[in-house]
Amino acid sequence: MIALFSSEYCCSVGATAGKNDELTITEALRDPLIAIVMRADGVTSEEFKRLLEAAARELKANLANSSSPPAGG
């Protein structure tokens, strides 16, 4: 199950975190390897957090839309 709430949005980044292979946004922001890449790319933690939260909101909306029955049907 994907957690899509507040700072616990999940984002797949190919690393192991707990019982599944997805990190929450909080975990991604604390990951030392991600921090090194962000620093090299000149990306702040706040910018990265906003990007991940926006992507999670879009994913949640897309999932909600795809599970809704078609209009008029």
PDB file of N, CA and C in Angstrom:
ATOM      1  N   MET A   1       0.843  -1.183   0.000  1.00  0.00           N
ATOM      2  CA  MET A   1       0.000   0.000   0.000  1.00  0.00           C
ATOM      3  C   MET A   1       0.887   1.245   0.000  1.00  0.00           C
ATOM      4  N   ILE A   2       0.529   2.217  -0.787  1.00  0.00           N
ATOM      5  CA  ILE A   2       1.308   3.454  -0.873  1.00  0.00           C
ATOM      6  C   ILE A   2       0.732   4.474   0.099  1.00  0.00           C
ATOM      7  N   ALA A   3       1.598   5.016   0.945  1.00  0.00           N
ATOM      8  CA  ALA A   3       1.167   6.084   1.854  1.00  0.00           C
ATOM      9  C   ALA A   3       1.227   7.401   1.091  1.00  0.00           C
ATOM     10  N   LEU A   4       0.119   8.076   0.992  1.00  0.00           N
ATOM     11  CA  LEU A   4       0.065   9.324   0.237  1.00  0.00           C
ATOM     12  C   LEU A   4      -0.438  10.459   1.110  1.00  0.00           C
ATOM     13  N   PHE A   5       0.133  10.614   2.276  1.00  0.00           N
ATOM     14  CA  PHE A   5      -0.329  11.621   3.205  1.00  0.00           C
ATOM     15  C   PHE A   5       0.825  12.463   3.717  1.00  0.00           C
ATOM     16  N   SER A   6       0.687  13.775   3.691  1.00  0.00           N
ATOM     17  CA  SER A   6       1.623  14.721   4.278  1.00  0.00           C
ATOM     18  C   SER A   6       3.049  14.414   3.858  1.00  0.00           C
ATOM     19  N   SER A   7       3.974  14.400   4.829  1.00  0.00           N
ATOM     20  CA  SER A   7       5.375  14.143   4.498  1.00  0.00           C
ATOM     21  C   SER A   7       5.651  12.664   4.376  1.00  0.00           C
ATOM     22  N   GLU A   8       4.626  11.838   4.458  1.00  0.00           N
ATOM     23  CA  GLU A   8       4.819  10.398   4.322  1.00  0.00           C
ATOM     24  C   GLU A   8       4.409   9.891   2.944  1.00  0.00           C
ATOM     25  N   TYR A   9       4.373  10.794   1.957  1.00  0.00           N
ATOM     26  CA  TYR A   9       4.182  10.343   0.587  1.00  0.00           C
ATOM     27  C   TYR A   9       5.303   9.368   0.270  1.00  0.00           C
ATOM     28  N   CYS A  10       5.013   8.380  -0.526  1.00  0.00           N
ATOM     29  CA  CYS A  10       6.067   7.452  -0.931  1.00  0.00           C
ATOM     30  C   CYS A  10       6.559   7.825  -2.317  1.00  0.00           C
ATOM     31  N   CYS A  11       7.815   7.603  -2.525  1.00  0.00           N
ATOM     32  CA  CYS A  11       8.389   7.824  -3.836  1.00  0.00           C
ATOM     33  C   CYS A  11       9.340   6.678  -4.130  1.00  0.00           C
ATOM     34  N   SER A  12       9.192   6.045  -5.255  1.00  0.00           N
ATOM     35  CA  SER A  12      10.047   4.933  -5.593  1.00  0.00           C
ATOM     36  C   SER A  12      11.402   5.449  -6.035  1.00  0.00           C
ATOM     37  N   VAL A  13      12.427   5.053  -5.328  1.00  0.00           N
ATOM     38  CA  VAL A  13      13.772   5.487  -5.687  1.00  0.00           C
ATOM     39  C   VAL A  13      14.734   4.308  -5.758  1.00  0.00           C
ATOM     40  N   GLY A  14      14.214   3.103  -5.730  1.00  0.00           N
ATOM     41  CA  GLY A  14      15.037   1.919  -5.903  1.00  0.00           C
ATOM     42  C   GLY A  14      15.879   1.551  -4.698  1.00  0.00           C
ATOM     43  N   ALA A  15      15.587   2.052  -3.535  1.00  0.00           N
ATOM     44  CA  ALA A  15      16.332   1.709  -2.327  1.00  0.00           C
ATOM     45  C   ALA A  15      15.405   0.974  -1.371  1.00  0.00           C
ATOM     46  N   THR A  16      15.980   0.255  -0.438  1.00  0.00           N
ATOM     47  CA  THR A  16      15.172  -0.488   0.517  1.00  0.00           C
ATOM     48  C   THR A  16      14.941   0.346   1.758  1.00  0.00           C
ATOM     49  N   ALA A  17      13.690   0.430   2.158  1.00  0.00           N
ATOM     50  CA  ALA A  17      13.329   1.153   3.377  1.00  0.00           C
ATOM     51  C   ALA A  17      12.258   0.352   4.090  1.00  0.00           C
ATOM     52  N   GLY A  18      12.612  -0.285   5.154  1.00  0.00           N
ATOM     53  CA  GLY A  18      11.632  -1.059   5.905  1.00  0.00           C
ATOM     54  C   GLY A  18      11.218  -2.314   5.178  1.00  0.00           C
ATOM     55  N   LYS A  19       9.904  -2.492   5.030  1.00  0.00           N
ATOM     56  CA  LYS A  19       9.367  -3.734   4.483  1.00  0.00           C
ATOM     57  C   LYS A  19       9.174  -3.711   2.969  1.00  0.00           C
ATOM     58  N   ASN A  20       9.381  -2.560   2.330  1.00  0.00           N
ATOM     59  CA  ASN A  20       9.200  -2.503   0.879  1.00  0.00           C
ATOM     60  C   ASN A  20      10.391  -1.795   0.245  1.00  0.00           C
ATOM     61  N   ASP A  21      10.329  -1.594  -1.046  1.00  0.00           N
ATOM     62  CA  ASP A  21      11.465  -0.986  -1.746  1.00  0.00           C
ATOM     63  C   ASP A  21      11.234   0.483  -2.079  1.00  0.00           C
ATOM     64  N   GLU A  22      10.359   1.135  -1.335  1.00  0.00           N
ATOM     65  CA  GLU A  22      10.086   2.555  -1.563  1.00  0.00           C
ATOM     66  C   GLU A  22      10.418   3.365  -0.317  1.00  0.00           C
ATOM     67  N   LEU A  23      10.965   4.541  -0.544  1.00  0.00           N
ATOM     68  CA  LEU A  23      11.242   5.457   0.557  1.00  0.00           C
ATOM     69  C   LEU A  23      10.114   6.459   0.684  1.00  0.00           C
ATOM     70  N   THR A  24       9.836   6.870   1.898  1.00  0.00           N
ATOM     71  CA  THR A  24       8.937   8.002   2.068  1.00  0.00           C
ATOM     72  C   THR A  24       9.735   9.255   1.706  1.00  0.00           C
ATOM     73  N   ILE A  25       9.057  10.364   1.556  1.00  0.00           N
ATOM     74  CA  ILE A  25       9.757  11.617   1.277  1.00  0.00           C
ATOM     75  C   ILE A  25      10.715  11.942   2.411  1.00  0.00           C
ATOM     76  N   THR A  26      10.272  11.740   3.638  1.00  0.00           N
ATOM     77  CA  THR A  26      11.130  12.005   4.796  1.00  0.00           C
ATOM     78  C   THR A  26      12.394  11.161   4.734  1.00  0.00           C
ATOM     79  N   GLU A  27      12.254   9.891   4.411  1.00  0.00           N
ATOM     80  CA  GLU A  27      13.422   9.003   4.317  1.00  0.00           C
ATOM     81  C   GLU A  27      14.337   9.415   3.167  1.00  0.00           C
ATOM     82  N   ALA A  28      13.747   9.807   2.045  1.00  0.00           N
ATOM     83  CA  ALA A  28      14.560  10.234   0.903  1.00  0.00           C
ATOM     84  C   ALA A  28      15.369  11.478   1.244  1.00  0.00           C
ATOM     85  N   LEU A  29      14.749  12.393   1.977  1.00  0.00           N
ATOM     86  CA  LEU A  29      15.448  13.628   2.354  1.00  0.00           C
ATOM     87  C   LEU A  29      16.572  13.374   3.348  1.00  0.00           C
ATOM     88  N   ARG A  30      16.500  12.278   4.074  1.00  0.00           N
ATOM     89  CA  ARG A  30      17.538  11.929   5.055  1.00  0.00           C
ATOM     90  C   ARG A  30      18.608  11.005   4.492  1.00  0.00           C
ATOM     91  N   ASP A  31      18.402  10.497   3.290  1.00  0.00           N
ATOM     92  CA  ASP A  31      19.337   9.540   2.707  1.00  0.00           C
ATOM     93  C   ASP A  31      20.653  10.219   2.337  1.00  0.00           C
ATOM     94  N   PRO A  32      21.794   9.704   2.822  1.00  0.00           N
ATOM     95  CA  PRO A  32      23.075  10.368   2.560  1.00  0.00           C
ATOM     96  C   PRO A  32      23.481  10.360   1.079  1.00  0.00           C
ATOM     97  N   LEU A  33      23.180   9.303   0.353  1.00  0.00           N
ATOM     98  CA  LEU A  33      23.538   9.261  -1.064  1.00  0.00           C
ATOM     99  C   LEU A  33      22.708  10.263  -1.862  1.00  0.00           C
ATOM    100  N   ILE A  34      21.434  10.348  -1.568  1.00  0.00           N
ATOM    101  CA  ILE A  34      20.580  11.336  -2.226  1.00  0.00           C
ATOM    102  C   ILE A  34      21.075  12.742  -1.903  1.00  0.00           C
ATOM    103  N   ALA A  35      21.485  12.965  -0.654  1.00  0.00           N
ATOM    104  CA  ALA A  35      22.007  14.280  -0.250  1.00  0.00           C
ATOM    105  C   ALA A  35      23.250  14.657  -1.047  1.00  0.00           C
ATOM    106  N   ILE A  36      24.124  13.698  -1.297  1.00  0.00           N
ATOM    107  CA  ILE A  36      25.343  13.956  -2.084  1.00  0.00           C
ATOM    108  C   ILE A  36      24.979  14.359  -3.513  1.00  0.00           C
ATOM    109  N   VAL A  37      24.036  13.639  -4.105  1.00  0.00           N
ATOM    110  CA  VAL A  37      23.616  13.945  -5.479  1.00  0.00           C
ATOM    111  C   VAL A  37      22.935  15.313  -5.533  1.00  0.00           C
ATOM    112  N   MET A  38      22.091  15.597  -4.542  1.00  0.00           N
ATOM    113  CA  MET A  38      21.423  16.902  -4.507  1.00  0.00           C
ATOM    114  C   MET A  38      22.449  18.026  -4.395  1.00  0.00           C
ATOM    115  N   ARG A  39      23.427  17.838  -3.527  1.00  0.00           N
ATOM    116  CA  ARG A  39      24.465  18.863  -3.355  1.00  0.00           C
ATOM    117  C   ARG A  39      25.216  19.071  -4.664  1.00  0.00           C
ATOM    118  N   ALA A  40      25.571  17.984  -5.337  1.00  0.00           N
ATOM    119  CA  ALA A  40      26.299  18.073  -6.614  1.00  0.00           C
ATOM    120  C   ALA A  40      25.462  18.773  -7.682  1.00  0.00           C
ATOM    121  N   ASP A  41      24.143  18.579  -7.619  1.00  0.00           N
ATOM    122  CA  ASP A  41      23.246  19.181  -8.604  1.00  0.00           C
ATOM    123  C   ASP A  41      22.765  20.572  -8.206  1.00  0.00           C
ATOM    124  N   GLY A  42      23.122  21.010  -7.007  1.00  0.00           N
ATOM    125  CA  GLY A  42      22.696  22.329  -6.553  1.00  0.00           C
ATOM    126  C   GLY A  42      21.223  22.394  -6.195  1.00  0.00           C
ATOM    127  N   VAL A  43      20.667  21.283  -5.725  1.00  0.00           N
ATOM    128  CA  VAL A  43      19.257  21.215  -5.358  1.00  0.00           C
ATOM    129  C   VAL A  43      19.149  21.234  -3.835  1.00  0.00           C
ATOM    130  N   THR A  44      18.299  22.101  -3.299  1.00  0.00           N
ATOM    131  CA  THR A  44      18.118  22.149  -1.851  1.00  0.00           C
ATOM    132  C   THR A  44      17.124  21.074  -1.414  1.00  0.00           C
ATOM    133  N   SER A  45      17.163  20.763  -0.129  1.00  0.00           N
ATOM    134  CA  SER A  45      16.218  19.791   0.428  1.00  0.00           C
ATOM    135  C   SER A  45      14.781  20.264   0.247  1.00  0.00           C
ATOM    136  N   GLU A  46      14.550  21.557   0.430  1.00  0.00           N
ATOM    137  CA  GLU A  46      13.196  22.097   0.281  1.00  0.00           C
ATOM    138  C   GLU A  46      12.705  21.968  -1.167  1.00  0.00           C
ATOM    139  N   GLU A  47      13.572  22.247  -2.131  1.00  0.00           N
ATOM    140  CA  GLU A  47      13.192  22.097  -3.550  1.00  0.00           C
ATOM    141  C   GLU A  47      12.853  20.646  -3.861  1.00  0.00           C
ATOM    142  N   PHE A  48      13.685  19.727  -3.374  1.00  0.00           N
ATOM    143  CA  PHE A  48      13.478  18.303  -3.623  1.00  0.00           C
ATOM    144  C   PHE A  48      12.182  17.834  -2.960  1.00  0.00           C
ATOM    145  N   LYS A  49      11.931  18.307  -1.735  1.00  0.00           N
ATOM    146  CA  LYS A  49      10.707  17.948  -1.024  1.00  0.00           C
ATOM    147  C   LYS A  49       9.482  18.425  -1.794  1.00  0.00           C
ATOM    148  N   ARG A  50       9.499  19.670  -2.269  1.00  0.00           N
ATOM    149  CA  ARG A  50       8.363  20.200  -3.043  1.00  0.00           C
ATOM    150  C   ARG A  50       8.142  19.381  -4.313  1.00  0.00           C
ATOM    151  N   LEU A  51       9.228  19.006  -4.988  1.00  0.00           N
ATOM    152  CA  LEU A  51       9.126  18.196  -6.204  1.00  0.00           C
ATOM    153  C   LEU A  51       8.481  16.845  -5.902  1.00  0.00           C
ATOM    154  N   LEU A  52       8.949  16.173  -4.858  1.00  0.00           N
ATOM    155  CA  LEU A  52       8.400  14.863  -4.511  1.00  0.00           C
ATOM    156  C   LEU A  52       6.945  14.952  -4.083  1.00  0.00           C
ATOM    157  N   GLU A  53       6.599  15.976  -3.297  1.00  0.00           N
ATOM    158  CA  GLU A  53       5.207  16.142  -2.872  1.00  0.00           C
ATOM    159  C   GLU A  53       4.294  16.434  -4.056  1.00  0.00           C
ATOM    160  N   ALA A  54       4.756  17.237  -4.997  1.00  0.00           N
ATOM    161  CA  ALA A  54       3.952  17.526  -6.194  1.00  0.00           C
ATOM    162  C   ALA A  54       3.751  16.256  -7.024  1.00  0.00           C
ATOM    163  N   ALA A  55       4.805  15.469  -7.165  1.00  0.00           N
ATOM    164  CA  ALA A  55       4.698  14.213  -7.921  1.00  0.00           C
ATOM    165  C   ALA A  55       3.747  13.251  -7.217  1.00  0.00           C
ATOM    166  N   ALA A  56       3.806  13.188  -5.890  1.00  0.00           N
ATOM    167  CA  ALA A  56       2.917  12.307  -5.136  1.00  0.00           C
ATOM    168  C   ALA A  56       1.464  12.749  -5.268  1.00  0.00           C
ATOM    169  N   ARG A  57       1.219  14.059  -5.223  1.00  0.00           N
ATOM    170  CA  ARG A  57      -0.153  14.559  -5.396  1.00  0.00           C
ATOM    171  C   ARG A  57      -0.682  14.202  -6.782  1.00  0.00           C
ATOM    172  N   GLU A  58       0.160  14.369  -7.792  1.00  0.00           N
ATOM    173  CA  GLU A  58      -0.256  14.039  -9.156  1.00  0.00           C
ATOM    174  C   GLU A  58      -0.540  12.547  -9.297  1.00  0.00           C
ATOM    175  N   LEU A  59       0.313  11.725  -8.697  1.00  0.00           N
ATOM    176  CA  LEU A  59       0.101  10.281  -8.731  1.00  0.00           C
ATOM    177  C   LEU A  59      -1.203   9.913  -8.041  1.00  0.00           C
ATOM    178  N   LYS A  60      -1.448  10.507  -6.885  1.00  0.00           N
ATOM    179  CA  LYS A  60      -2.684  10.235  -6.147  1.00  0.00           C
ATOM    180  C   LYS A  60      -3.900  10.628  -6.985  1.00  0.00           C
ATOM    181  N   ALA A  61      -3.854  11.783  -7.631  1.00  0.00           N
ATOM    182  CA  ALA A  61      -4.969  12.234  -8.473  1.00  0.00           C
ATOM    183  C   ALA A  61      -5.168  11.300  -9.652  1.00  0.00           C
ATOM    184  N   ASN A  62      -4.077  10.892 -10.284  1.00  0.00           N
ATOM    185  CA  ASN A  62      -4.177   9.978 -11.425  1.00  0.00           C
ATOM    186  C   ASN A  62      -4.749   8.629 -11.010  1.00  0.00           C
ATOM    187  N   LEU A  63      -4.325   8.135  -9.842  1.00  0.00           N
ATOM    188  CA  LEU A  63      -4.853   6.862  -9.355  1.00  0.00           C
ATOM    189  C   LEU A  63      -6.340   6.983  -9.045  1.00  0.00           C
ATOM    190  N   ALA A  64      -6.751   8.105  -8.450  1.00  0.00           N
ATOM    191  CA  ALA A  64      -8.162   8.320  -8.138  1.00  0.00           C
ATOM    192  C   ALA A  64      -8.990   8.398  -9.415  1.00  0.00           C
ATOM    193  N   ASN A  65      -8.465   9.083 -10.429  1.00  0.00           N
ATOM    194  CA  ASN A  65      -9.191   9.218 -11.692  1.00  0.00           C
ATOM    195  C   ASN A  65      -9.290   7.897 -12.423  1.00  0.00           C
ATOM    196  N   SER A  66      -8.252   7.077 -12.350  1.00  0.00           N
ATOM    197  CA  SER A  66      -8.279   5.814 -13.085  1.00  0.00           C
ATOM    198  C   SER A  66      -9.165   4.770 -12.399  1.00  0.00           C
ATOM    199  N   SER A  67      -9.452   4.954 -11.104  1.00  0.00           N
ATOM    200  CA  SER A  67     -10.300   4.002 -10.401  1.00  0.00           C
ATOM    201  C   SER A  67     -11.764   4.426 -10.393  1.00  0.00           C
ATOM    202  N   SER A  68     -12.065   5.626 -10.881  1.00  0.00           N
ATOM    203  CA  SER A  68     -13.444   6.096 -10.951  1.00  0.00           C
ATOM    204  C   SER A  68     -14.121   5.510 -12.175  1.00  0.00           C
ATOM    205  N   PRO A  69     -15.409   5.151 -12.043  1.00  0.00           N
ATOM    206  CA  PRO A  69     -16.117   4.641 -13.225  1.00  0.00           C
ATOM    207  C   PRO A  69     -16.300   5.745 -14.252  1.00  0.00           C
ATOM    208  N   PRO A  70     -16.340   5.388 -15.524  1.00  0.00           N
ATOM    209  CA  PRO A  70     -16.526   6.395 -16.577  1.00  0.00           C
ATOM    210  C   PRO A  70     -17.856   7.129 -16.408  1.00  0.00           C
ATOM    211  N   ALA A  71     -17.878   8.385 -16.770  1.00  0.00           N
ATOM    212  CA  ALA A  71     -19.094   9.204 -16.674  1.00  0.00           C
ATOM    213  C   ALA A  71     -20.155   8.652 -17.633  1.00  0.00           C
ATOM    214  N   GLY A  72     -21.379   8.575 -17.141  1.00  0.00           N
ATOM    215  CA  GLY A  72     -22.486   8.117 -17.978  1.00  0.00           C
ATOM    216  C   GLY A  72     -22.506   6.618 -18.162  1.00  0.00           C
ATOM    217  N   GLY A  73     -21.692   5.893 -17.394  1.00  0.00           N
ATOM    218  CA  GLY A  73     -21.646   4.445 -17.627  1.00  0.00           C
ATOM    219  C   GLY A  73     -21.912   3.695 -16.462  1.00  0.00           C
TER     220      GLY A  73
END
